[in-house]
Each structure stands twice: as structure tokens, then as C-alpha cells.
Amino acid sequence: MLTEIDMRSTLREKLGADIEDYVILGACNPPLAHRAMQADRTIGLLLPCNVVVRAEGPHSTVVQAMDPQVMVQLSDAPELRGMADEAAARLRAALDCLSA
């Protein structure tokens, strides 16, 4: 985990807004991110590093991550396809571990 942003606290402090528990985790895989940036220097905007963990009702939590294939669709670098496949498999495995 590289970063953690507590959106609930931030929005409450900055705007006085009250939302459900909502955390954005920076869960980037440095080796995959480095390989992707070598293929396309502009890819940093599209790296699927963020994972959202949020409350959905009083007894339910949702965990969401962007599909790494979005990088492939928005870049001209063919080398990204394999990296996106690997990142997608890793994310799927991590999310599958959370399913109850």
C-alpha cells in the first residue's frame, strides 16, 4: 500500500459534507508500473493503482478497482497488453480473496 486517502474525513473537513466510509488506497505494483511507464511515459494517468473501499449500507463493504485493460485501449503501446493482462489477473485474485 503506497497511499491512503480517507475521503469521508477529507470531505467533512474541507466541505462539511458527510458521506459513507470511503477510502482510496494507492495499491500500485511498482514493477508493473515501471514496465508500463517504459512502454508509454504518459501512462501514469491511467495506471490502475487506486482501489476504492466504501461502505454500502450498514453491513456491507464494496471494494472496486479499475480494469487495467483501459490502459491498452487508450495507449498506442502494444507492449502494455501483457502488463495489463498480468495486472488484471493480480487484481482479480486479490478481489476474489475478499468475496464472501
C-alpha atoms as a PDB file:
ATOM      1  CA  MET A   1       0.000   0.000   0.000  1.00  0.00           C
ATOM      2  CA  LEU A   2       1.564   3.286  -1.069  1.00  0.00           C
ATOM      3  CA  THR A   3      -1.111   5.790  -0.045  1.00  0.00           C
ATOM      4  CA  GLU A   4      -4.421   6.044   1.757  1.00  0.00           C
ATOM      5  CA  ILE A   5      -6.948   8.852   1.274  1.00  0.00           C
ATOM      6  CA  ASP A   6      -9.843   8.987   3.709  1.00  0.00           C
ATOM      7  CA  MET A   7     -12.447  10.712   1.551  1.00  0.00           C
ATOM      8  CA  ARG A   8     -15.005  10.837   4.360  1.00  0.00           C
ATOM      9  CA  SER A   9     -12.692  12.814   6.641  1.00  0.00           C
ATOM     10  CA  THR A  10     -11.348  14.994   3.835  1.00  0.00           C
ATOM     11  CA  LEU A  11     -14.780  15.995   2.533  1.00  0.00           C
ATOM     12  CA  ARG A  12     -16.065  16.597   6.047  1.00  0.00           C
ATOM     13  CA  GLU A  13     -13.066  18.791   6.890  1.00  0.00           C
ATOM     14  CA  LYS A  14     -12.909  20.713   3.591  1.00  0.00           C
ATOM     15  CA  LEU A  15     -16.599  20.969   2.657  1.00  0.00           C
ATOM     16  CA  GLY A  16     -18.623  19.986   5.680  1.00  0.00           C
ATOM     17  CA  ALA A  17     -20.041  17.159   3.544  1.00  0.00           C
ATOM     18  CA  ASP A  18     -20.979  13.876   5.161  1.00  0.00           C
ATOM     19  CA  ILE A  19     -20.583  10.677   3.127  1.00  0.00           C
ATOM     20  CA  GLU A  20     -20.280   6.977   3.921  1.00  0.00           C
ATOM     21  CA  ASP A  21     -16.919   5.494   4.886  1.00  0.00           C
ATOM     22  CA  TYR A  22     -14.927   5.851   1.670  1.00  0.00           C
ATOM     23  CA  VAL A  23     -11.192   5.207   1.360  1.00  0.00           C
ATOM     24  CA  ILE A  24      -8.995   5.317  -1.734  1.00  0.00           C
ATOM     25  CA  LEU A  25      -5.942   3.077  -1.450  1.00  0.00           C
ATOM     26  CA  GLY A  26      -2.891   3.567  -3.646  1.00  0.00           C
ATOM     27  CA  ALA A  27      -2.088  -0.076  -4.298  1.00  0.00           C
ATOM     28  CA  CYS A  28       0.304   0.251  -7.215  1.00  0.00           C
ATOM     29  CA  ASN A  29       2.598  -2.624  -8.155  1.00  0.00           C
ATOM     30  CA  PRO A  30       5.938  -0.817  -8.700  1.00  0.00           C
ATOM     31  CA  PRO A  31       7.496  -3.398 -11.096  1.00  0.00           C
ATOM     32  CA  LEU A  32       4.402  -3.426 -13.343  1.00  0.00           C
ATOM     33  CA  ALA A  33       4.062   0.359 -13.171  1.00  0.00           C
ATOM     34  CA  HIS A  34       7.719   0.776 -14.135  1.00  0.00           C
ATOM     35  CA  ARG A  35       7.358  -1.560 -17.116  1.00  0.00           C
ATOM     36  CA  ALA A  36       4.228   0.275 -18.248  1.00  0.00           C
ATOM     37  CA  MET A  37       5.950   3.657 -17.967  1.00  0.00           C
ATOM     38  CA  GLN A  38       8.855   2.368 -20.031  1.00  0.00           C
ATOM     39  CA  ALA A  39       6.394   1.441 -22.780  1.00  0.00           C
ATOM     40  CA  ASP A  40       4.444   4.716 -22.620  1.00  0.00           C
ATOM     41  CA  ARG A  41       5.599   7.654 -20.481  1.00  0.00           C
ATOM     42  CA  THR A  42       2.112   9.176 -20.457  1.00  0.00           C
ATOM     43  CA  ILE A  43       0.557   6.042 -18.940  1.00  0.00           C
ATOM     44  CA  GLY A  44       0.869   7.355 -15.370  1.00  0.00           C
ATOM     45  CA  LEU A  45      -2.554   8.952 -15.701  1.00  0.00           C
ATOM     46  CA  LEU A  46      -4.097   5.577 -16.491  1.00  0.00           C
ATOM     47  CA  LEU A  47      -2.303   3.211 -14.134  1.00  0.00           C
ATOM     48  CA  PRO A  48      -4.857   1.108 -12.247  1.00  0.00           C
ATOM     49  CA  CYS A  49      -3.270   1.887  -8.889  1.00  0.00           C
ATOM     50  CA  ASN A  50      -6.329   3.073  -6.997  1.00  0.00           C
ATOM     51  CA  VAL A  51      -8.587   0.719  -5.098  1.00  0.00           C
ATOM     52  CA  VAL A  52     -11.775   2.097  -3.548  1.00  0.00           C
ATOM     53  CA  VAL A  53     -13.133   0.627  -0.316  1.00  0.00           C
ATOM     54  CA  ARG A  54     -16.506   2.051   0.681  1.00  0.00           C
ATOM     55  CA  ALA A  55     -19.459   1.288   2.873  1.00  0.00           C
ATOM     56  CA  GLU A  56     -22.673   0.330   1.134  1.00  0.00           C
ATOM     57  CA  GLY A  57     -25.287   0.187   3.815  1.00  0.00           C
ATOM     58  CA  PRO A  58     -24.748  -0.622   7.471  1.00  0.00           C
ATOM     59  CA  HIS A  59     -23.406  -4.166   6.972  1.00  0.00           C
ATOM     60  CA  SER A  60     -21.807  -4.162   3.537  1.00  0.00           C
ATOM     61  CA  THR A  61     -18.474  -3.022   2.124  1.00  0.00           C
ATOM     62  CA  VAL A  62     -17.656  -2.628  -1.572  1.00  0.00           C
ATOM     63  CA  VAL A  63     -14.116  -2.928  -2.965  1.00  0.00           C
ATOM     64  CA  GLN A  64     -13.567  -1.646  -6.506  1.00  0.00           C
ATOM     65  CA  ALA A  65     -10.610  -1.360  -8.873  1.00  0.00           C
ATOM     66  CA  MET A  66     -10.286  -0.079 -12.428  1.00  0.00           C
ATOM     67  CA  ASP A  67      -9.881  -2.655 -15.190  1.00  0.00           C
ATOM     68  CA  PRO A  68      -6.225  -2.455 -16.338  1.00  0.00           C
ATOM     69  CA  GLN A  69      -7.366  -3.113 -19.916  1.00  0.00           C
ATOM     70  CA  VAL A  70      -8.408   0.557 -20.055  1.00  0.00           C
ATOM     71  CA  MET A  71      -4.689   1.388 -20.398  1.00  0.00           C
ATOM     72  CA  VAL A  72      -4.464  -0.752 -23.504  1.00  0.00           C
ATOM     73  CA  GLN A  73      -7.498   0.873 -25.086  1.00  0.00           C
ATOM     74  CA  LEU A  74      -6.157   4.394 -24.584  1.00  0.00           C
ATOM     75  CA  SER A  75      -2.500   3.882 -25.481  1.00  0.00           C
ATOM     76  CA  ASP A  76      -0.749   3.111 -28.736  1.00  0.00           C
ATOM     77  CA  ALA A  77       1.896   0.994 -26.978  1.00  0.00           C
ATOM     78  CA  PRO A  78       1.313  -2.685 -27.830  1.00  0.00           C
ATOM     79  CA  GLU A  79       3.673  -3.738 -25.007  1.00  0.00           C
ATOM     80  CA  LEU A  80       1.007  -2.722 -22.491  1.00  0.00           C
ATOM     81  CA  ARG A  81      -1.304  -5.621 -23.345  1.00  0.00           C
ATOM     82  CA  GLY A  82       0.750  -8.233 -21.473  1.00  0.00           C
ATOM     83  CA  MET A  83       1.241  -5.943 -18.497  1.00  0.00           C
ATOM     84  CA  ALA A  84      -2.488  -5.170 -18.390  1.00  0.00           C
ATOM     85  CA  ASP A  85      -3.274  -8.892 -18.525  1.00  0.00           C
ATOM     86  CA  GLU A  86      -0.905  -9.538 -15.603  1.00  0.00           C
ATOM     87  CA  ALA A  87      -2.276  -6.616 -13.574  1.00  0.00           C
ATOM     88  CA  ALA A  88      -5.861  -7.748 -14.256  1.00  0.00           C
ATOM     89  CA  ALA A  89      -5.065 -11.282 -13.080  1.00  0.00           C
ATOM     90  CA  ARG A  90      -3.472  -9.936  -9.889  1.00  0.00           C
ATOM     91  CA  LEU A  91      -6.412  -7.637  -9.174  1.00  0.00           C
ATOM     92  CA  ARG A  92      -8.920 -10.410  -9.863  1.00  0.00           C
ATOM     93  CA  ALA A  93      -7.084 -12.733  -7.470  1.00  0.00           C
ATOM     94  CA  ALA A  94      -6.972 -10.074  -4.758  1.00  0.00           C
ATOM     95  CA  LEU A  95     -10.656  -9.203  -5.170  1.00  0.00           C
ATOM     96  CA  ASP A  96     -11.630 -12.901  -5.238  1.00  0.00           C
ATOM     97  CA  CYS A  97      -9.970 -13.319  -1.833  1.00  0.00           C
ATOM     98  CA  LEU A  98     -12.381 -10.740  -0.451  1.00  0.00           C
ATOM     99  CA  SER A  99     -15.592 -12.339  -1.710  1.00  0.00           C
ATOM    100  CA  ALA A 100     -17.681 -13.944   0.973  1.00  0.00           C
END
